[in-house]
Amino acid sequence: MRKSAKAVLLSTLVFPGAGHFSLKKPIQGTLLLGITLFCLYWIVSTVLEITQNLTAKIERGEIPFDVAQITQLVSQQLSVDDQLITISTYGLVICWIVGIVDSYRIGRLQDKNENNR
């Protein structure tokens, strides 16, 4: 399997930066991995915080156990944090795309160098 194909598959199916590690480019891989992990952390921690707050209110009896009302409250909470979640989601998607494209580019260069030898 060519290096470019292997790197693209790793970056696409495993995690952003995985293809760079297979191409012996640890700095780029670490950078993509770090940004992606930060974006994922921000999204998950925000959602968990909202979930814990609503769960506590339901347990205390402040909110009735009604799916429609809980859905409305979740939507309201997400709209408050909407900008940060949106930025984190865009950052995650951009890192994934950059990881795929850049690992293909580097892999293709390495494939050409091997063929020229």
N, C-alpha and C. Protein backbone atom coordinates (compact mmCIF):
# COMPACT_ATOMS: atom_id res chain seq x y z
N MET A 1 0.85 -1.18 0.00
CA MET A 1 0.00 0.00 0.00
C MET A 1 0.89 1.24 0.00
N ARG A 2 0.52 2.20 -0.80
CA ARG A 2 1.31 3.43 -0.87
C ARG A 2 1.16 4.22 0.42
N LYS A 3 2.19 5.00 0.72
CA LYS A 3 2.18 5.79 1.96
C LYS A 3 1.04 6.80 1.98
N SER A 4 0.77 7.41 0.83
CA SER A 4 -0.29 8.42 0.79
C SER A 4 -1.65 7.79 1.09
N ALA A 5 -1.92 6.61 0.55
CA ALA A 5 -3.21 5.95 0.81
C ALA A 5 -3.33 5.53 2.27
N LYS A 6 -2.25 4.99 2.81
CA LYS A 6 -2.26 4.57 4.22
C LYS A 6 -2.48 5.77 5.14
N ALA A 7 -1.79 6.87 4.86
CA ALA A 7 -1.91 8.06 5.69
C ALA A 7 -3.31 8.64 5.63
N VAL A 8 -3.90 8.67 4.44
CA VAL A 8 -5.26 9.21 4.30
C VAL A 8 -6.25 8.33 5.05
N LEU A 9 -6.11 7.02 4.94
CA LEU A 9 -7.01 6.13 5.66
C LEU A 9 -6.89 6.30 7.16
N LEU A 10 -5.67 6.42 7.66
CA LEU A 10 -5.48 6.61 9.10
C LEU A 10 -6.07 7.94 9.55
N SER A 11 -5.84 8.99 8.78
CA SER A 11 -6.36 10.31 9.16
C SER A 11 -7.88 10.37 9.07
N THR A 12 -8.44 9.63 8.12
CA THR A 12 -9.89 9.66 7.93
C THR A 12 -10.62 8.78 8.94
N LEU A 13 -10.12 7.57 9.12
CA LEU A 13 -10.86 6.58 9.90
C LEU A 13 -10.45 6.48 11.36
N VAL A 14 -9.24 6.87 11.69
CA VAL A 14 -8.77 6.73 13.07
C VAL A 14 -8.93 8.05 13.82
N PHE A 15 -8.09 9.03 13.47
CA PHE A 15 -8.11 10.32 14.16
C PHE A 15 -7.23 11.29 13.39
N PRO A 16 -7.54 12.59 13.41
CA PRO A 16 -6.65 13.55 12.74
C PRO A 16 -5.25 13.50 13.36
N GLY A 17 -4.26 13.44 12.52
CA GLY A 17 -2.88 13.36 12.99
C GLY A 17 -2.32 11.96 12.92
N ALA A 18 -3.16 10.94 12.86
CA ALA A 18 -2.67 9.55 12.82
C ALA A 18 -1.88 9.29 11.54
N GLY A 19 -2.32 9.87 10.44
CA GLY A 19 -1.58 9.71 9.19
C GLY A 19 -0.22 10.38 9.23
N HIS A 20 -0.14 11.49 9.93
CA HIS A 20 1.15 12.18 10.06
C HIS A 20 2.13 11.36 10.88
N PHE A 21 1.63 10.70 11.90
CA PHE A 21 2.53 9.85 12.69
C PHE A 21 3.06 8.70 11.85
N SER A 22 2.22 8.14 10.97
CA SER A 22 2.68 7.04 10.12
C SER A 22 3.68 7.52 9.08
N LEU A 23 3.63 8.81 8.75
CA LEU A 23 4.56 9.39 7.78
C LEU A 23 5.81 9.97 8.45
N LYS A 24 5.95 9.73 9.74
CA LYS A 24 7.10 10.21 10.51
C LYS A 24 7.13 11.75 10.58
N LYS A 25 5.96 12.33 10.77
CA LYS A 25 5.82 13.77 10.95
C LYS A 25 5.13 14.03 12.29
N PRO A 26 5.85 13.81 13.41
CA PRO A 26 5.20 13.87 14.72
C PRO A 26 4.76 15.28 15.15
N ILE A 27 5.45 16.31 14.68
CA ILE A 27 5.06 17.66 15.10
C ILE A 27 3.69 18.02 14.53
N GLN A 28 3.49 17.79 13.23
CA GLN A 28 2.20 18.08 12.63
C GLN A 28 1.11 17.18 13.22
N GLY A 29 1.46 15.90 13.42
CA GLY A 29 0.50 14.98 14.01
C GLY A 29 0.08 15.38 15.41
N THR A 30 1.03 15.80 16.21
CA THR A 30 0.74 16.22 17.58
C THR A 30 -0.11 17.48 17.59
N LEU A 31 0.19 18.40 16.69
CA LEU A 31 -0.59 19.64 16.61
C LEU A 31 -2.04 19.35 16.24
N LEU A 32 -2.26 18.54 15.21
CA LEU A 32 -3.62 18.19 14.82
C LEU A 32 -4.33 17.41 15.93
N LEU A 33 -3.63 16.48 16.53
CA LEU A 33 -4.21 15.68 17.60
C LEU A 33 -4.60 16.56 18.79
N GLY A 34 -3.72 17.49 19.16
CA GLY A 34 -4.00 18.36 20.30
C GLY A 34 -5.20 19.27 20.08
N ILE A 35 -5.26 19.89 18.91
CA ILE A 35 -6.38 20.79 18.62
C ILE A 35 -7.69 20.00 18.58
N THR A 36 -7.65 18.82 17.97
CA THR A 36 -8.85 17.99 17.89
C THR A 36 -9.31 17.55 19.26
N LEU A 37 -8.38 17.12 20.10
CA LEU A 37 -8.74 16.70 21.46
C LEU A 37 -9.31 17.86 22.27
N PHE A 38 -8.75 19.05 22.10
CA PHE A 38 -9.26 20.21 22.81
C PHE A 38 -10.70 20.52 22.38
N CYS A 39 -10.95 20.49 21.07
CA CYS A 39 -12.31 20.75 20.57
C CYS A 39 -13.29 19.70 21.08
N LEU A 40 -12.89 18.43 21.04
CA LEU A 40 -13.76 17.36 21.56
C LEU A 40 -14.01 17.53 23.05
N TYR A 41 -12.96 17.87 23.80
CA TYR A 41 -13.11 18.09 25.24
C TYR A 41 -14.12 19.20 25.51
N TRP A 42 -14.00 20.29 24.77
CA TRP A 42 -14.90 21.43 24.99
C TRP A 42 -16.35 21.04 24.72
N ILE A 43 -16.60 20.34 23.63
CA ILE A 43 -17.96 19.94 23.27
C ILE A 43 -18.53 18.99 24.32
N VAL A 44 -17.77 17.95 24.67
CA VAL A 44 -18.25 16.95 25.62
C VAL A 44 -18.45 17.55 27.01
N SER A 45 -17.52 18.38 27.46
CA SER A 45 -17.67 18.96 28.81
C SER A 45 -18.87 19.90 28.88
N THR A 46 -19.13 20.63 27.81
CA THR A 46 -20.30 21.52 27.80
C THR A 46 -21.59 20.72 27.85
N VAL A 47 -21.67 19.68 27.06
CA VAL A 47 -22.87 18.85 27.04
C VAL A 47 -23.07 18.15 28.40
N LEU A 48 -21.99 17.64 28.98
CA LEU A 48 -22.10 16.99 30.29
C LEU A 48 -22.52 17.97 31.37
N GLU A 49 -22.02 19.19 31.32
CA GLU A 49 -22.40 20.19 32.31
C GLU A 49 -23.90 20.50 32.22
N ILE A 50 -24.39 20.66 31.01
CA ILE A 50 -25.82 20.91 30.81
C ILE A 50 -26.64 19.72 31.31
N THR A 51 -26.19 18.52 31.00
CA THR A 51 -26.89 17.31 31.43
C THR A 51 -26.92 17.19 32.94
N GLN A 52 -25.82 17.45 33.59
CA GLN A 52 -25.76 17.34 35.05
C GLN A 52 -26.66 18.38 35.72
N ASN A 53 -26.67 19.60 35.18
CA ASN A 53 -27.54 20.64 35.75
C ASN A 53 -29.01 20.27 35.63
N LEU A 54 -29.40 19.79 34.46
CA LEU A 54 -30.81 19.41 34.28
C LEU A 54 -31.18 18.18 35.10
N THR A 55 -30.27 17.23 35.21
CA THR A 55 -30.52 16.05 36.03
C THR A 55 -30.73 16.43 37.49
N ALA A 56 -29.90 17.32 37.97
CA ALA A 56 -30.03 17.78 39.36
C ALA A 56 -31.37 18.48 39.58
N LYS A 57 -31.80 19.29 38.63
CA LYS A 57 -33.08 19.97 38.76
C LYS A 57 -34.24 18.99 38.73
N ILE A 58 -34.13 17.96 37.92
CA ILE A 58 -35.19 16.94 37.87
C ILE A 58 -35.25 16.18 39.19
N GLU A 59 -34.10 15.83 39.75
CA GLU A 59 -34.06 15.10 41.02
C GLU A 59 -34.62 15.94 42.17
N ARG A 60 -34.39 17.25 42.14
CA ARG A 60 -34.92 18.12 43.19
C ARG A 60 -36.39 18.44 42.99
N GLY A 61 -36.93 18.09 41.85
CA GLY A 61 -38.34 18.33 41.57
C GLY A 61 -38.62 19.70 40.98
N GLU A 62 -37.59 20.44 40.60
CA GLU A 62 -37.79 21.77 40.01
C GLU A 62 -38.34 21.67 38.59
N ILE A 63 -38.01 20.58 37.93
CA ILE A 63 -38.46 20.35 36.56
C ILE A 63 -39.23 19.03 36.54
N PRO A 64 -40.43 19.02 35.98
CA PRO A 64 -41.15 17.74 35.88
C PRO A 64 -40.48 16.82 34.86
N PHE A 65 -40.68 15.54 35.04
CA PHE A 65 -40.09 14.55 34.14
C PHE A 65 -40.95 14.46 32.88
N ASP A 66 -40.85 15.51 32.05
CA ASP A 66 -41.62 15.62 30.81
C ASP A 66 -40.63 15.81 29.66
N VAL A 67 -40.69 14.93 28.69
CA VAL A 67 -39.72 14.93 27.60
C VAL A 67 -39.75 16.25 26.83
N ALA A 68 -40.91 16.77 26.56
CA ALA A 68 -41.02 18.01 25.79
C ALA A 68 -40.38 19.18 26.53
N GLN A 69 -40.63 19.26 27.82
CA GLN A 69 -40.06 20.36 28.60
C GLN A 69 -38.55 20.21 28.75
N ILE A 70 -38.08 18.99 28.94
CA ILE A 70 -36.64 18.76 29.05
C ILE A 70 -35.94 19.09 27.74
N THR A 71 -36.56 18.72 26.62
CA THR A 71 -35.99 19.05 25.31
C THR A 71 -35.91 20.55 25.12
N GLN A 72 -36.93 21.26 25.53
CA GLN A 72 -36.93 22.72 25.42
C GLN A 72 -35.83 23.33 26.28
N LEU A 73 -35.66 22.83 27.50
CA LEU A 73 -34.62 23.35 28.38
C LEU A 73 -33.22 23.06 27.83
N VAL A 74 -33.03 21.88 27.26
CA VAL A 74 -31.73 21.55 26.65
C VAL A 74 -31.45 22.50 25.50
N SER A 75 -32.45 22.77 24.68
CA SER A 75 -32.27 23.69 23.55
C SER A 75 -31.92 25.09 24.05
N GLN A 76 -32.56 25.53 25.12
CA GLN A 76 -32.26 26.85 25.68
C GLN A 76 -30.83 26.90 26.20
N GLN A 77 -30.41 25.86 26.90
CA GLN A 77 -29.05 25.83 27.44
C GLN A 77 -28.02 25.80 26.32
N LEU A 78 -28.30 25.02 25.27
CA LEU A 78 -27.35 24.95 24.16
C LEU A 78 -27.27 26.26 23.40
N SER A 79 -28.37 27.01 23.36
CA SER A 79 -28.33 28.30 22.67
C SER A 79 -27.45 29.31 23.41
N VAL A 80 -27.36 29.16 24.74
CA VAL A 80 -26.48 30.04 25.52
C VAL A 80 -25.02 29.76 25.16
N ASP A 81 -24.66 28.48 25.07
CA ASP A 81 -23.29 28.09 24.77
C ASP A 81 -23.09 27.81 23.27
N ASP A 82 -24.03 28.25 22.46
CA ASP A 82 -24.05 27.90 21.04
C ASP A 82 -22.79 28.35 20.31
N GLN A 83 -22.33 29.55 20.57
CA GLN A 83 -21.18 30.07 19.82
C GLN A 83 -19.92 29.27 20.11
N LEU A 84 -19.68 28.93 21.36
CA LEU A 84 -18.47 28.16 21.69
C LEU A 84 -18.54 26.74 21.15
N ILE A 85 -19.71 26.13 21.21
CA ILE A 85 -19.87 24.79 20.67
C ILE A 85 -19.71 24.81 19.15
N THR A 86 -20.25 25.83 18.50
CA THR A 86 -20.12 25.96 17.06
C THR A 86 -18.66 26.14 16.65
N ILE A 87 -17.94 26.98 17.36
CA ILE A 87 -16.52 27.18 17.06
C ILE A 87 -15.74 25.89 17.27
N SER A 88 -16.04 25.18 18.34
CA SER A 88 -15.36 23.91 18.60
C SER A 88 -15.69 22.88 17.53
N THR A 89 -16.93 22.84 17.09
CA THR A 89 -17.31 21.90 16.04
C THR A 89 -16.62 22.23 14.73
N TYR A 90 -16.58 23.51 14.38
CA TYR A 90 -15.86 23.91 13.17
C TYR A 90 -14.38 23.58 13.27
N GLY A 91 -13.80 23.82 14.45
CA GLY A 91 -12.39 23.49 14.65
C GLY A 91 -12.13 22.00 14.48
N LEU A 92 -13.04 21.19 14.99
CA LEU A 92 -12.92 19.74 14.86
C LEU A 92 -12.98 19.31 13.40
N VAL A 93 -13.95 19.83 12.67
CA VAL A 93 -14.12 19.47 11.26
C VAL A 93 -12.94 19.97 10.44
N ILE A 94 -12.49 21.19 10.70
CA ILE A 94 -11.35 21.74 9.95
C ILE A 94 -10.10 20.92 10.21
N CYS A 95 -9.84 20.55 11.46
CA CYS A 95 -8.67 19.72 11.76
C CYS A 95 -8.74 18.38 11.04
N TRP A 96 -9.92 17.80 11.00
CA TRP A 96 -10.06 16.51 10.32
C TRP A 96 -9.75 16.64 8.83
N ILE A 97 -10.31 17.68 8.20
CA ILE A 97 -10.08 17.90 6.77
C ILE A 97 -8.62 18.23 6.50
N VAL A 98 -8.04 19.11 7.30
CA VAL A 98 -6.62 19.46 7.12
C VAL A 98 -5.75 18.23 7.32
N GLY A 99 -6.07 17.40 8.29
CA GLY A 99 -5.30 16.18 8.52
C GLY A 99 -5.34 15.25 7.32
N ILE A 100 -6.50 15.11 6.71
CA ILE A 100 -6.64 14.24 5.55
C ILE A 100 -5.87 14.79 4.36
N VAL A 101 -6.08 16.07 4.06
CA VAL A 101 -5.44 16.67 2.89
C VAL A 101 -3.92 16.74 3.06
N ASP A 102 -3.48 17.16 4.23
CA ASP A 102 -2.04 17.31 4.44
C ASP A 102 -1.33 15.95 4.49
N SER A 103 -1.95 14.96 5.08
CA SER A 103 -1.30 13.64 5.09
C SER A 103 -1.23 13.06 3.68
N TYR A 104 -2.24 13.34 2.86
CA TYR A 104 -2.17 12.90 1.46
C TYR A 104 -1.03 13.61 0.73
N ARG A 105 -0.92 14.91 0.95
CA ARG A 105 0.12 15.69 0.30
C ARG A 105 1.51 15.20 0.69
N ILE A 106 1.74 15.02 1.97
CA ILE A 106 3.05 14.55 2.44
C ILE A 106 3.31 13.13 1.97
N GLY A 107 2.30 12.28 2.05
CA GLY A 107 2.46 10.89 1.60
C GLY A 107 2.76 10.80 0.12
N ARG A 108 2.11 11.64 -0.66
CA ARG A 108 2.36 11.64 -2.10
C ARG A 108 3.78 12.09 -2.41
N LEU A 109 4.27 13.10 -1.69
CA LEU A 109 5.66 13.53 -1.87
C LEU A 109 6.63 12.41 -1.51
N GLN A 110 6.35 11.72 -0.42
CA GLN A 110 7.22 10.61 -0.02
C GLN A 110 7.15 9.47 -1.02
N ASP A 111 5.97 9.20 -1.58
CA ASP A 111 5.84 8.17 -2.62
C ASP A 111 6.65 8.53 -3.86
N LYS A 112 6.61 9.79 -4.27
CA LYS A 112 7.38 10.25 -5.43
C LYS A 112 8.87 10.12 -5.17
N ASN A 113 9.31 10.48 -3.98
CA ASN A 113 10.73 10.39 -3.64
C ASN A 113 11.21 8.95 -3.68
N GLU A 114 10.37 8.02 -3.22
CA GLU A 114 10.75 6.61 -3.24
C GLU A 114 10.81 6.08 -4.67
N ASN A 115 9.91 6.54 -5.52
CA ASN A 115 9.89 6.08 -6.92
C ASN A 115 11.06 6.64 -7.71
N ASN A 116 11.57 7.82 -7.32
CA ASN A 116 12.70 8.42 -8.02
C ASN A 116 14.04 7.81 -7.64
N ARG A 117 14.06 7.05 -6.58
CA ARG A 117 15.33 6.45 -6.14
C ARG A 117 15.71 5.29 -6.98
